[in-house]
């Protein structure tokens, strides 16, 4: 019959897994930041990092809450859960800035969409 690990062996294993997870998280967040910096070089306008509440207003009268992660004069990145069901065009309302911005979806990925602002 196999013997159960001692408390010390168990704790040591948990500590190893924890260190691995922290290293992985640092690597992933570092890679994400490098990708973000490379993308910033290709943008037409500099984006400012934000954490502001926003609302995606749908043409039928519905509203979807979102978080504005970054914004420039030309567009923004929005956290939405889930991004499925969001139309290609909509009005983004940022109450803190008293802003209503007509948007066109540029890209979608899990939990986030990128939009460009449509000028009238």
PDB file of N, CA and C in Angstrom:
ATOM      1  N   UNK A   1       0.845  -1.173   0.000  1.00  0.00           N
ATOM      2  CA  UNK A   1       0.000   0.000   0.000  1.00  0.00           C
ATOM      3  C   UNK A   1       0.898   1.245   0.000  1.00  0.00           C
ATOM      4  N   UNK A   2       0.634   2.235  -0.913  1.00  0.00           N
ATOM      5  CA  UNK A   2       1.472   3.429  -0.968  1.00  0.00           C
ATOM      6  C   UNK A   2       1.340   4.245   0.311  1.00  0.00           C
ATOM      7  N   UNK A   3       2.459   4.847   0.680  1.00  0.00           N
ATOM      8  CA  UNK A   3       2.485   5.648   1.897  1.00  0.00           C
ATOM      9  C   UNK A   3       2.139   7.096   1.547  1.00  0.00           C
ATOM     10  N   UNK A   4       1.323   7.750   2.385  1.00  0.00           N
ATOM     11  CA  UNK A   4       0.953   9.149   2.174  1.00  0.00           C
ATOM     12  C   UNK A   4       2.154  10.045   2.442  1.00  0.00           C
ATOM     13  N   UNK A   5       2.280  11.168   1.712  1.00  0.00           N
ATOM     14  CA  UNK A   5       3.404  12.068   1.967  1.00  0.00           C
ATOM     15  C   UNK A   5       3.268  12.715   3.348  1.00  0.00           C
ATOM     16  N   UNK A   6       4.427  13.006   3.930  1.00  0.00           N
ATOM     17  CA  UNK A   6       4.407  13.696   5.224  1.00  0.00           C
ATOM     18  C   UNK A   6       3.957  15.131   5.003  1.00  0.00           C
ATOM     19  N   UNK A   7       3.623  15.815   6.078  1.00  0.00           N
ATOM     20  CA  UNK A   7       3.210  17.216   6.014  1.00  0.00           C
ATOM     21  C   UNK A   7       4.326  18.062   5.413  1.00  0.00           C
ATOM     22  N   UNK A   8       5.576  17.762   5.782  1.00  0.00           N
ATOM     23  CA  UNK A   8       6.716  18.516   5.246  1.00  0.00           C
ATOM     24  C   UNK A   8       6.833  18.320   3.737  1.00  0.00           C
ATOM     25  N   UNK A   9       6.710  17.065   3.268  1.00  0.00           N
ATOM     26  CA  UNK A   9       6.789  16.782   1.835  1.00  0.00           C
ATOM     27  C   UNK A   9       5.640  17.454   1.086  1.00  0.00           C
ATOM     28  N   UNK A  10       4.472  17.423   1.688  1.00  0.00           N
ATOM     29  CA  UNK A  10       3.296  18.044   1.075  1.00  0.00           C
ATOM     30  C   UNK A  10       3.497  19.555   0.971  1.00  0.00           C
ATOM     31  N   UNK A  11       3.936  20.192   2.060  1.00  0.00           N
ATOM     32  CA  UNK A  11       4.170  21.643   2.076  1.00  0.00           C
ATOM     33  C   UNK A  11       5.242  22.029   1.076  1.00  0.00           C
ATOM     34  N   UNK A  12       6.290  21.223   0.993  1.00  0.00           N
ATOM     35  CA  UNK A  12       7.367  21.484   0.046  1.00  0.00           C
ATOM     36  C   UNK A  12       6.845  21.430  -1.387  1.00  0.00           C
ATOM     37  N   UNK A  13       5.995  20.469  -1.676  1.00  0.00           N
ATOM     38  CA  UNK A  13       5.403  20.356  -3.011  1.00  0.00           C
ATOM     39  C   UNK A  13       4.529  21.547  -3.352  1.00  0.00           C
ATOM     40  N   UNK A  14       3.723  21.988  -2.389  1.00  0.00           N
ATOM     41  CA  UNK A  14       2.861  23.157  -2.595  1.00  0.00           C
ATOM     42  C   UNK A  14       3.716  24.395  -2.834  1.00  0.00           C
ATOM     43  N   UNK A  15       4.790  24.569  -2.075  1.00  0.00           N
ATOM     44  CA  UNK A  15       5.678  25.724  -2.242  1.00  0.00           C
ATOM     45  C   UNK A  15       6.303  25.722  -3.634  1.00  0.00           C
ATOM     46  N   UNK A  16       6.700  24.546  -4.128  1.00  0.00           N
ATOM     47  CA  UNK A  16       7.286  24.443  -5.468  1.00  0.00           C
ATOM     48  C   UNK A  16       6.264  24.835  -6.530  1.00  0.00           C
ATOM     49  N   UNK A  17       5.063  24.339  -6.401  1.00  0.00           N
ATOM     50  CA  UNK A  17       3.999  24.684  -7.356  1.00  0.00           C
ATOM     51  C   UNK A  17       3.711  26.173  -7.300  1.00  0.00           C
ATOM     52  N   UNK A  18       3.652  26.731  -6.106  1.00  0.00           N
ATOM     53  CA  UNK A  18       3.386  28.161  -5.938  1.00  0.00           C
ATOM     54  C   UNK A  18       4.460  29.003  -6.612  1.00  0.00           C
ATOM     55  N   UNK A  19       5.754  28.641  -6.413  1.00  0.00           N
ATOM     56  CA  UNK A  19       6.848  29.384  -7.051  1.00  0.00           C
ATOM     57  C   UNK A  19       6.740  29.289  -8.567  1.00  0.00           C
ATOM     58  N   UNK A  20       6.411  28.088  -9.078  1.00  0.00           N
ATOM     59  CA  UNK A  20       6.261  27.896 -10.514  1.00  0.00           C
ATOM     60  C   UNK A  20       5.146  28.790 -11.059  1.00  0.00           C
ATOM     61  N   UNK A  21       4.010  28.817 -10.370  1.00  0.00           N
ATOM     62  CA  UNK A  21       2.871  29.630 -10.810  1.00  0.00           C
ATOM     63  C   UNK A  21       3.233  31.109 -10.812  1.00  0.00           C
ATOM     64  N   UNK A  22       3.929  31.577  -9.783  1.00  0.00           N
ATOM     65  CA  UNK A  22       4.319  32.987  -9.726  1.00  0.00           C
ATOM     66  C   UNK A  22       5.276  33.320 -10.859  1.00  0.00           C
ATOM     67  N   UNK A  23       6.254  32.437 -11.136  1.00  0.00           N
ATOM     68  CA  UNK A  23       7.191  32.680 -12.241  1.00  0.00           C
ATOM     69  C   UNK A  23       6.433  32.718 -13.563  1.00  0.00           C
ATOM     70  N   UNK A  24       5.510  31.785 -13.749  1.00  0.00           N
ATOM     71  CA  UNK A  24       4.728  31.738 -14.979  1.00  0.00           C
ATOM     72  C   UNK A  24       3.906  33.011 -15.130  1.00  0.00           C
ATOM     73  N   UNK A  25       3.288  33.461 -14.038  1.00  0.00           N
ATOM     74  CA  UNK A  25       2.486  34.682 -14.088  1.00  0.00           C
ATOM     75  C   UNK A  25       3.349  35.875 -14.464  1.00  0.00           C
ATOM     76  N   UNK A  26       4.540  35.976 -13.910  1.00  0.00           N
ATOM     77  CA  UNK A  26       5.452  37.073 -14.234  1.00  0.00           C
ATOM     78  C   UNK A  26       5.843  37.000 -15.702  1.00  0.00           C
ATOM     79  N   UNK A  27       6.160  35.800 -16.201  1.00  0.00           N
ATOM     80  CA  UNK A  27       6.522  35.644 -17.602  1.00  0.00           C
ATOM     81  C   UNK A  27       5.374  36.039 -18.516  1.00  0.00           C
ATOM     82  N   UNK A  28       4.169  35.590 -18.193  1.00  0.00           N
ATOM     83  CA  UNK A  28       3.007  35.904 -19.018  1.00  0.00           C
ATOM     84  C   UNK A  28       2.716  37.396 -18.971  1.00  0.00           C
ATOM     85  N   UNK A  29       2.732  38.009 -17.783  1.00  0.00           N
ATOM     86  CA  UNK A  29       2.437  39.433 -17.700  1.00  0.00           C
ATOM     87  C   UNK A  29       3.531  40.242 -18.379  1.00  0.00           C
ATOM     88  N   UNK A  30       4.785  39.783 -18.302  1.00  0.00           N
ATOM     89  CA  UNK A  30       5.881  40.459 -18.989  1.00  0.00           C
ATOM     90  C   UNK A  30       5.731  40.368 -20.496  1.00  0.00           C
ATOM     91  N   UNK A  31       5.346  39.204 -20.991  1.00  0.00           N
ATOM     92  CA  UNK A  31       5.131  39.025 -22.429  1.00  0.00           C
ATOM     93  C   UNK A  31       3.961  39.868 -22.902  1.00  0.00           C
ATOM     94  N   UNK A  32       2.925  39.926 -22.097  1.00  0.00           N
ATOM     95  CA  UNK A  32       1.757  40.729 -22.439  1.00  0.00           C
ATOM     96  C   UNK A  32       2.129  42.202 -22.530  1.00  0.00           C
ATOM     97  N   UNK A  33       2.928  42.670 -21.586  1.00  0.00           N
ATOM     98  CA  UNK A  33       3.360  44.073 -21.587  1.00  0.00           C
ATOM     99  C   UNK A  33       4.240  44.361 -22.801  1.00  0.00           C
ATOM    100  N   UNK A  34       5.136  43.426 -23.173  1.00  0.00           N
ATOM    101  CA  UNK A  34       5.982  43.637 -24.352  1.00  0.00           C
ATOM    102  C   UNK A  34       5.132  43.699 -25.623  1.00  0.00           C
ATOM    103  N   UNK A  35       4.122  42.834 -25.724  1.00  0.00           N
ATOM    104  CA  UNK A  35       3.224  42.857 -26.867  1.00  0.00           C
ATOM    105  C   UNK A  35       2.481  44.186 -26.922  1.00  0.00           C
ATOM    106  N   UNK A  36       2.008  44.642 -25.778  1.00  0.00           N
ATOM    107  CA  UNK A  36       1.297  45.914 -25.701  1.00  0.00           C
ATOM    108  C   UNK A  36       2.203  47.065 -26.152  1.00  0.00           C
ATOM    109  N   UNK A  37       3.485  47.032 -25.761  1.00  0.00           N
ATOM    110  CA  UNK A  37       4.423  48.076 -26.136  1.00  0.00           C
ATOM    111  C   UNK A  37       4.681  48.045 -27.648  1.00  0.00           C
ATOM    112  N   UNK A  38       4.785  46.836 -28.234  1.00  0.00           N
ATOM    113  CA  UNK A  38       4.982  46.733 -29.685  1.00  0.00           C
ATOM    114  C   UNK A  38       3.775  47.269 -30.423  1.00  0.00           C
ATOM    115  N   UNK A  39       2.572  46.958 -29.928  1.00  0.00           N
ATOM    116  CA  UNK A  39       1.351  47.435 -30.575  1.00  0.00           C
ATOM    117  C   UNK A  39       1.262  48.950 -30.484  1.00  0.00           C
ATOM    118  N   UNK A  40       1.722  49.526 -29.380  1.00  0.00           N
ATOM    119  CA  UNK A  40       1.671  50.970 -29.177  1.00  0.00           C
ATOM    120  C   UNK A  40       2.451  51.704 -30.264  1.00  0.00           C
ATOM    121  N   UNK A  41       3.552  51.106 -30.744  1.00  0.00           N
ATOM    122  CA  UNK A  41       4.365  51.728 -31.791  1.00  0.00           C
ATOM    123  C   UNK A  41       3.595  51.845 -33.098  1.00  0.00           C
ATOM    124  N   UNK A  42       2.626  50.958 -33.339  1.00  0.00           N
ATOM    125  CA  UNK A  42       1.883  50.939 -34.593  1.00  0.00           C
ATOM    126  C   UNK A  42       0.598  51.764 -34.546  1.00  0.00           C
ATOM    127  N   UNK A  43       0.244  52.285 -33.404  1.00  0.00           N
ATOM    128  CA  UNK A  43      -0.991  53.049 -33.284  1.00  0.00           C
ATOM    129  C   UNK A  43      -0.808  54.453 -33.854  1.00  0.00           C
ATOM    130  N   UNK A  44      -1.904  55.005 -34.367  1.00  0.00           N
ATOM    131  CA  UNK A  44      -1.883  56.365 -34.889  1.00  0.00           C
ATOM    132  C   UNK A  44      -1.854  57.400 -33.764  1.00  0.00           C
ATOM    133  N   UNK A  45      -2.422  57.031 -32.626  1.00  0.00           N
ATOM    134  CA  UNK A  45      -2.468  57.943 -31.475  1.00  0.00           C
ATOM    135  C   UNK A  45      -2.119  57.166 -30.213  1.00  0.00           C
ATOM    136  N   UNK A  46      -1.453  57.820 -29.283  1.00  0.00           N
ATOM    137  CA  UNK A  46      -1.070  57.189 -28.026  1.00  0.00           C
ATOM    138  C   UNK A  46      -2.310  56.922 -27.176  1.00  0.00           C
ATOM    139  N   UNK A  47      -2.363  55.727 -26.614  1.00  0.00           N
ATOM    140  CA  UNK A  47      -3.480  55.374 -25.729  1.00  0.00           C
ATOM    141  C   UNK A  47      -3.093  55.598 -24.281  1.00  0.00           C
ATOM    142  N   UNK A  48      -4.053  56.083 -23.504  1.00  0.00           N
ATOM    143  CA  UNK A  48      -3.859  56.245 -22.062  1.00  0.00           C
ATOM    144  C   UNK A  48      -4.524  55.081 -21.360  1.00  0.00           C
ATOM    145  N   UNK A  49      -3.810  54.516 -20.387  1.00  0.00           N
ATOM    146  CA  UNK A  49      -4.381  53.415 -19.607  1.00  0.00           C
ATOM    147  C   UNK A  49      -5.421  53.978 -18.660  1.00  0.00           C
ATOM    148  N   UNK A  50      -6.563  53.295 -18.592  1.00  0.00           N
ATOM    149  CA  UNK A  50      -7.686  53.735 -17.762  1.00  0.00           C
ATOM    150  C   UNK A  50      -8.333  52.536 -17.077  1.00  0.00           C
ATOM    151  N   UNK A  51      -9.155  52.830 -16.147  1.00  0.00           N
ATOM    152  CA  UNK A  51     -10.073  51.851 -15.559  1.00  0.00           C
ATOM    153  C   UNK A  51     -11.359  52.607 -15.254  1.00  0.00           C
ATOM    154  N   UNK A  52     -12.122  52.881 -16.293  1.00  0.00           N
ATOM    155  CA  UNK A  52     -13.361  53.642 -16.132  1.00  0.00           C
ATOM    156  C   UNK A  52     -14.549  52.786 -16.520  1.00  0.00           C
ATOM    157  N   UNK A  53     -15.642  52.993 -15.819  1.00  0.00           N
ATOM    158  CA  UNK A  53     -16.881  52.292 -16.133  1.00  0.00           C
ATOM    159  C   UNK A  53     -17.456  52.847 -17.421  1.00  0.00           C
ATOM    160  N   UNK A  54     -17.947  51.944 -18.250  1.00  0.00           N
ATOM    161  CA  UNK A  54     -18.589  52.357 -19.494  1.00  0.00           C
ATOM    162  C   UNK A  54     -19.838  51.548 -19.725  1.00  0.00           C
ATOM    163  N   UNK A  55     -20.635  52.011 -20.678  1.00  0.00           N
ATOM    164  CA  UNK A  55     -21.847  51.293 -21.047  1.00  0.00           C
ATOM    165  C   UNK A  55     -21.920  51.234 -22.570  1.00  0.00           C
ATOM    166  N   UNK A  56     -22.119  50.032 -23.074  1.00  0.00           N
ATOM    167  CA  UNK A  56     -22.330  49.827 -24.501  1.00  0.00           C
ATOM    168  C   UNK A  56     -23.836  49.893 -24.714  1.00  0.00           C
ATOM    169  N   UNK A  57     -24.279  50.916 -25.451  1.00  0.00           N
ATOM    170  CA  UNK A  57     -25.716  51.063 -25.685  1.00  0.00           C
ATOM    171  C   UNK A  57     -26.049  50.489 -27.058  1.00  0.00           C
ATOM    172  N   UNK A  58     -27.012  49.607 -27.071  1.00  0.00           N
ATOM    173  CA  UNK A  58     -27.414  48.908 -28.282  1.00  0.00           C
ATOM    174  C   UNK A  58     -28.568  49.639 -28.959  1.00  0.00           C
ATOM    175  N   UNK A  59     -28.673  49.465 -30.266  1.00  0.00           N
ATOM    176  CA  UNK A  59     -29.705  50.174 -31.031  1.00  0.00           C
ATOM    177  C   UNK A  59     -31.121  49.813 -30.570  1.00  0.00           C
ATOM    178  N   UNK A  60     -31.304  48.606 -30.055  1.00  0.00           N
ATOM    179  CA  UNK A  60     -32.624  48.183 -29.579  1.00  0.00           C
ATOM    180  C   UNK A  60     -32.953  48.685 -28.184  1.00  0.00           C
ATOM    181  N   UNK A  61     -32.053  49.453 -27.570  1.00  0.00           N
ATOM    182  CA  UNK A  61     -32.307  50.011 -26.249  1.00  0.00           C
ATOM    183  C   UNK A  61     -31.610  49.280 -25.124  1.00  0.00           C
ATOM    184  N   UNK A  62     -30.958  48.165 -25.404  1.00  0.00           N
ATOM    185  CA  UNK A  62     -30.250  47.420 -24.361  1.00  0.00           C
ATOM    186  C   UNK A  62     -28.936  48.087 -23.979  1.00  0.00           C
ATOM    187  N   UNK A  63     -28.420  47.697 -22.825  1.00  0.00           N
ATOM    188  CA  UNK A  63     -27.159  48.250 -22.314  1.00  0.00           C
ATOM    189  C   UNK A  63     -26.304  47.102 -21.792  1.00  0.00           C
ATOM    190  N   UNK A  64     -25.007  47.144 -22.118  1.00  0.00           N
ATOM    191  CA  UNK A  64     -24.051  46.164 -21.616  1.00  0.00           C
ATOM    192  C   UNK A  64     -22.962  46.919 -20.870  1.00  0.00           C
ATOM    193  N   UNK A  65     -22.737  46.571 -19.607  1.00  0.00           N
ATOM    194  CA  UNK A  65     -21.669  47.212 -18.833  1.00  0.00           C
ATOM    195  C   UNK A  65     -20.310  46.766 -19.347  1.00  0.00           C
ATOM    196  N   UNK A  66     -19.338  47.680 -19.270  1.00  0.00           N
ATOM    197  CA  UNK A  66     -17.974  47.361 -19.674  1.00  0.00           C
ATOM    198  C   UNK A  66     -17.002  48.205 -18.863  1.00  0.00           C
ATOM    199  N   UNK A  67     -15.730  47.910 -19.002  1.00  0.00           N
ATOM    200  CA  UNK A  67     -14.670  48.706 -18.383  1.00  0.00           C
ATOM    201  C   UNK A  67     -13.756  49.196 -19.492  1.00  0.00           C
ATOM    202  N   UNK A  68     -13.514  50.494 -19.533  1.00  0.00           N
ATOM    203  CA  UNK A  68     -12.615  51.079 -20.519  1.00  0.00           C
ATOM    204  C   UNK A  68     -11.203  50.910 -19.979  1.00  0.00           C
ATOM    205  N   UNK A  69     -10.393  50.087 -20.660  1.00  0.00           N
ATOM    206  CA  UNK A  69      -9.031  49.778 -20.198  1.00  0.00           C
ATOM    207  C   UNK A  69      -8.013  50.791 -20.690  1.00  0.00           C
ATOM    208  N   UNK A  70      -8.176  51.239 -21.930  1.00  0.00           N
ATOM    209  CA  UNK A  70      -7.314  52.291 -22.448  1.00  0.00           C
ATOM    210  C   UNK A  70      -8.085  53.049 -23.515  1.00  0.00           C
ATOM    211  N   UNK A  71      -7.607  54.266 -23.791  1.00  0.00           N
ATOM    212  CA  UNK A  71      -8.345  55.121 -24.720  1.00  0.00           C
ATOM    213  C   UNK A  71      -7.396  56.101 -25.383  1.00  0.00           C
ATOM    214  N   UNK A  72      -7.649  56.371 -26.661  1.00  0.00           N
ATOM    215  CA  UNK A  72      -6.939  57.411 -27.400  1.00  0.00           C
ATOM    216  C   UNK A  72      -7.990  58.259 -28.092  1.00  0.00           C
ATOM    217  N   UNK A  73      -7.535  59.200 -28.889  1.00  0.00           N
ATOM    218  CA  UNK A  73      -8.510  60.008 -29.632  1.00  0.00           C
ATOM    219  C   UNK A  73      -9.179  59.196 -30.745  1.00  0.00           C
ATOM    220  N   UNK A  74      -8.560  58.064 -31.124  1.00  0.00           N
ATOM    221  CA  UNK A  74      -9.085  57.256 -32.226  1.00  0.00           C
ATOM    222  C   UNK A  74      -9.823  55.991 -31.818  1.00  0.00           C
ATOM    223  N   UNK A  75      -9.619  55.503 -30.575  1.00  0.00           N
ATOM    224  CA  UNK A  75     -10.253  54.253 -30.196  1.00  0.00           C
ATOM    225  C   UNK A  75     -10.003  53.882 -28.747  1.00  0.00           C
ATOM    226  N   UNK A  76     -10.410  52.655 -28.396  1.00  0.00           N
ATOM    227  CA  UNK A  76     -10.295  52.201 -27.012  1.00  0.00           C
ATOM    228  C   UNK A  76     -10.301  50.679 -26.962  1.00  0.00           C
ATOM    229  N   UNK A  77      -9.870  50.151 -25.824  1.00  0.00           N
ATOM    230  CA  UNK A  77      -9.995  48.728 -25.515  1.00  0.00           C
ATOM    231  C   UNK A  77     -10.972  48.607 -24.359  1.00  0.00           C
ATOM    232  N   UNK A  78     -11.932  47.714 -24.504  1.00  0.00           N
ATOM    233  CA  UNK A  78     -12.993  47.546 -23.509  1.00  0.00           C
ATOM    234  C   UNK A  78     -13.002  46.118 -22.986  1.00  0.00           C
ATOM    235  N   UNK A  79     -13.107  45.980 -21.674  1.00  0.00           N
ATOM    236  CA  UNK A  79     -13.324  44.665 -21.067  1.00  0.00           C
ATOM    237  C   UNK A  79     -14.823  44.434 -21.022  1.00  0.00           C
ATOM    238  N   UNK A  80     -15.252  43.326 -21.591  1.00  0.00           N
ATOM    239  CA  UNK A  80     -16.659  42.946 -21.581  1.00  0.00           C
ATOM    240  C   UNK A  80     -16.748  41.450 -21.335  1.00  0.00           C
ATOM    241  N   UNK A  81     -17.776  41.043 -20.642  1.00  0.00           N
ATOM    242  CA  UNK A  81     -17.918  39.615 -20.346  1.00  0.00           C
ATOM    243  C   UNK A  81     -19.334  39.188 -20.670  1.00  0.00           C
ATOM    244  N   UNK A  82     -19.509  38.352 -21.605  1.00  0.00           N
ATOM    245  CA  UNK A  82     -18.610  37.950 -22.687  1.00  0.00           C
ATOM    246  C   UNK A  82     -18.769  38.910 -23.863  1.00  0.00           C
ATOM    247  N   UNK A  83     -17.804  38.943 -24.800  1.00  0.00           N
ATOM    248  CA  UNK A  83     -17.918  39.854 -25.941  1.00  0.00           C
ATOM    249  C   UNK A  83     -18.879  39.363 -27.022  1.00  0.00           C
ATOM    250  N   UNK A  84     -19.453  38.184 -26.821  1.00  0.00           N
ATOM    251  CA  UNK A  84     -20.407  37.628 -27.786  1.00  0.00           C
ATOM    252  C   UNK A  84     -21.713  38.414 -27.698  1.00  0.00           C
ATOM    253  N   UNK A  85     -22.284  38.715 -28.834  1.00  0.00           N
ATOM    254  CA  UNK A  85     -23.559  39.432 -28.853  1.00  0.00           C
ATOM    255  C   UNK A  85     -23.407  40.935 -28.965  1.00  0.00           C
ATOM    256  N   UNK A  86     -22.186  41.419 -28.958  1.00  0.00           N
ATOM    257  CA  UNK A  86     -21.964  42.858 -29.121  1.00  0.00           C
ATOM    258  C   UNK A  86     -21.903  43.131 -30.622  1.00  0.00           C
ATOM    259  N   UNK A  87     -22.740  44.054 -31.109  1.00  0.00           N
ATOM    260  CA  UNK A  87     -22.778  44.309 -32.551  1.00  0.00           C
ATOM    261  C   UNK A  87     -21.509  45.012 -33.045  1.00  0.00           C
ATOM    262  N   UNK A  88     -21.345  45.083 -34.355  1.00  0.00           N
ATOM    263  CA  UNK A  88     -20.174  45.717 -34.961  1.00  0.00           C
ATOM    264  C   UNK A  88     -20.119  47.214 -34.680  1.00  0.00           C
ATOM    265  N   UNK A  89     -21.258  47.856 -34.545  1.00  0.00           N
ATOM    266  CA  UNK A  89     -21.308  49.290 -34.225  1.00  0.00           C
ATOM    267  C   UNK A  89     -22.220  49.510 -33.025  1.00  0.00           C
ATOM    268  N   UNK A  90     -21.864  50.472 -32.205  1.00  0.00           N
ATOM    269  CA  UNK A  90     -22.662  50.816 -31.028  1.00  0.00           C
ATOM    270  C   UNK A  90     -22.178  52.161 -30.484  1.00  0.00           C
ATOM    271  N   UNK A  91     -22.890  52.669 -29.493  1.00  0.00           N
ATOM    272  CA  UNK A  91     -22.489  53.904 -28.815  1.00  0.00           C
ATOM    273  C   UNK A  91     -21.924  53.528 -27.451  1.00  0.00           C
ATOM    274  N   UNK A  92     -20.713  54.009 -27.173  1.00  0.00           N
ATOM    275  CA  UNK A  92     -20.069  53.815 -25.871  1.00  0.00           C
ATOM    276  C   UNK A  92     -20.316  55.057 -25.032  1.00  0.00           C
ATOM    277  N   UNK A  93     -20.876  54.849 -23.857  1.00  0.00           N
ATOM    278  CA  UNK A  93     -21.123  55.957 -22.932  1.00  0.00           C
ATOM    279  C   UNK A  93     -20.150  55.834 -21.768  1.00  0.00           C
ATOM    280  N   UNK A  94     -19.375  56.904 -21.550  1.00  0.00           N
ATOM    281  CA  UNK A  94     -18.479  56.976 -20.391  1.00  0.00           C
ATOM    282  C   UNK A  94     -18.981  58.144 -19.562  1.00  0.00           C
ATOM    283  N   UNK A  95     -19.785  57.823 -18.552  1.00  0.00           N
ATOM    284  CA  UNK A  95     -20.448  58.861 -17.764  1.00  0.00           C
ATOM    285  C   UNK A  95     -19.467  59.777 -17.052  1.00  0.00           C
ATOM    286  N   UNK A  96     -18.349  59.231 -16.555  1.00  0.00           N
ATOM    287  CA  UNK A  96     -17.370  60.045 -15.831  1.00  0.00           C
ATOM    288  C   UNK A  96     -16.793  61.155 -16.705  1.00  0.00           C
ATOM    289  N   UNK A  97     -16.728  60.917 -18.021  1.00  0.00           N
ATOM    290  CA  UNK A  97     -16.198  61.905 -18.960  1.00  0.00           C
ATOM    291  C   UNK A  97     -17.305  62.641 -19.707  1.00  0.00           C
ATOM    292  N   UNK A  98     -18.557  62.320 -19.397  1.00  0.00           N
ATOM    293  CA  UNK A  98     -19.709  62.883 -20.114  1.00  0.00           C
ATOM    294  C   UNK A  98     -19.547  62.666 -21.615  1.00  0.00           C
ATOM    295  N   UNK A  99     -19.122  61.453 -21.993  1.00  0.00           N
ATOM    296  CA  UNK A  99     -18.822  61.155 -23.387  1.00  0.00           C
ATOM    297  C   UNK A  99     -19.786  60.113 -23.942  1.00  0.00           C
ATOM    298  N   UNK A 100     -20.206  60.341 -25.186  1.00  0.00           N
ATOM    299  CA  UNK A 100     -20.968  59.365 -25.967  1.00  0.00           C
ATOM    300  C   UNK A 100     -20.237  59.226 -27.291  1.00  0.00           C
ATOM    301  N   UNK A 101     -19.667  58.049 -27.526  1.00  0.00           N
ATOM    302  CA  UNK A 101     -18.793  57.838 -28.671  1.00  0.00           C
ATOM    303  C   UNK A 101     -19.338  56.738 -29.577  1.00  0.00           C
ATOM    304  N   UNK A 102     -19.513  57.055 -30.848  1.00  0.00           N
ATOM    305  CA  UNK A 102     -19.940  56.052 -31.821  1.00  0.00           C
ATOM    306  C   UNK A 102     -18.748  55.153 -32.111  1.00  0.00           C
ATOM    307  N   UNK A 103     -18.914  53.828 -31.976  1.00  0.00           N
ATOM    308  CA  UNK A 103     -17.798  52.878 -32.086  1.00  0.00           C
ATOM    309  C   UNK A 103     -18.019  51.857 -33.186  1.00  0.00           C
ATOM    310  N   UNK A 104     -16.899  51.404 -33.751  1.00  0.00           N
ATOM    311  CA  UNK A 104     -16.860  50.306 -34.701  1.00  0.00           C
ATOM    312  C   UNK A 104     -15.874  49.287 -34.138  1.00  0.00           C
ATOM    313  N   UNK A 105     -16.303  48.029 -33.988  1.00  0.00           N
ATOM    314  CA  UNK A 105     -15.439  46.995 -33.422  1.00  0.00           C
ATOM    315  C   UNK A 105     -14.306  46.684 -34.403  1.00  0.00           C
ATOM    316  N   UNK A 106     -13.059  46.790 -33.919  1.00  0.00           N
ATOM    317  CA  UNK A 106     -11.871  46.511 -34.735  1.00  0.00           C
ATOM    318  C   UNK A 106     -11.382  45.085 -34.517  1.00  0.00           C
ATOM    319  N   UNK A 107     -11.477  44.586 -33.279  1.00  0.00           N
ATOM    320  CA  UNK A 107     -11.045  43.226 -32.963  1.00  0.00           C
ATOM    321  C   UNK A 107     -11.768  42.734 -31.721  1.00  0.00           C
ATOM    322  N   UNK A 108     -11.786  41.423 -31.578  1.00  0.00           N
ATOM    323  CA  UNK A 108     -12.418  40.766 -30.424  1.00  0.00           C
ATOM    324  C   UNK A 108     -11.502  39.654 -29.936  1.00  0.00           C
ATOM    325  N   UNK A 109     -11.382  39.521 -28.640  1.00  0.00           N
ATOM    326  CA  UNK A 109     -10.758  38.347 -28.052  1.00  0.00           C
ATOM    327  C   UNK A 109     -11.418  38.114 -26.710  1.00  0.00           C
ATOM    328  N   UNK A 110     -11.081  37.020 -26.074  1.00  0.00           N
ATOM    329  CA  UNK A 110     -11.770  36.609 -24.866  1.00  0.00           C
ATOM    330  C   UNK A 110     -11.818  37.724 -23.822  1.00  0.00           C
ATOM    331  N   UNK A 111     -13.006  38.223 -23.554  1.00  0.00           N
ATOM    332  CA  UNK A 111     -13.194  39.211 -22.500  1.00  0.00           C
ATOM    333  C   UNK A 111     -12.834  40.646 -22.867  1.00  0.00           C
ATOM    334  N   UNK A 112     -12.402  40.880 -24.114  1.00  0.00           N
ATOM    335  CA  UNK A 112     -11.982  42.244 -24.480  1.00  0.00           C
ATOM    336  C   UNK A 112     -12.279  42.508 -25.952  1.00  0.00           C
ATOM    337  N   UNK A 113     -12.646  43.752 -26.253  1.00  0.00           N
ATOM    338  CA  UNK A 113     -12.799  44.170 -27.638  1.00  0.00           C
ATOM    339  C   UNK A 113     -12.040  45.480 -27.842  1.00  0.00           C
ATOM    340  N   UNK A 114     -11.594  45.676 -29.066  1.00  0.00           N
ATOM    341  CA  UNK A 114     -10.964  46.931 -29.455  1.00  0.00           C
ATOM    342  C   UNK A 114     -11.922  47.657 -30.381  1.00  0.00           C
ATOM    343  N   UNK A 115     -12.080  48.948 -30.178  1.00  0.00           N
ATOM    344  CA  UNK A 115     -12.986  49.726 -31.013  1.00  0.00           C
ATOM    345  C   UNK A 115     -12.269  50.955 -31.567  1.00  0.00           C
ATOM    346  N   UNK A 116     -12.720  51.380 -32.733  1.00  0.00           N
ATOM    347  CA  UNK A 116     -12.280  52.660 -33.259  1.00  0.00           C
ATOM    348  C   UNK A 116     -13.483  53.586 -33.204  1.00  0.00           C
ATOM    349  N   UNK A 117     -13.215  54.867 -32.963  1.00  0.00           N
ATOM    350  CA  UNK A 117     -14.283  55.842 -32.882  1.00  0.00           C
ATOM    351  C   UNK A 117     -14.622  56.323 -34.276  1.00  0.00           C
ATOM    352  N   UNK A 118     -15.925  56.389 -34.551  1.00  0.00           N
ATOM    353  CA  UNK A 118     -16.422  56.825 -35.848  1.00  0.00           C
ATOM    354  C   UNK A 118     -16.772  58.303 -35.732  1.00  0.00           C
ATOM    355  N   UNK A 119     -16.163  59.093 -36.579  1.00  0.00           N
ATOM    356  CA  UNK A 119     -16.436  60.531 -36.595  1.00  0.00           C
ATOM    357  C   UNK A 119     -17.598  60.819 -37.524  1.00  0.00           C
ATOM    358  N   UNK A 120     -18.500  61.655 -37.080  1.00  0.00           N
ATOM    359  CA  UNK A 120     -19.679  61.988 -37.900  1.00  0.00           C
ATOM    360  C   UNK A 120     -19.375  63.038 -38.940  1.00  0.00           C
TER     361      UNK A 120
END
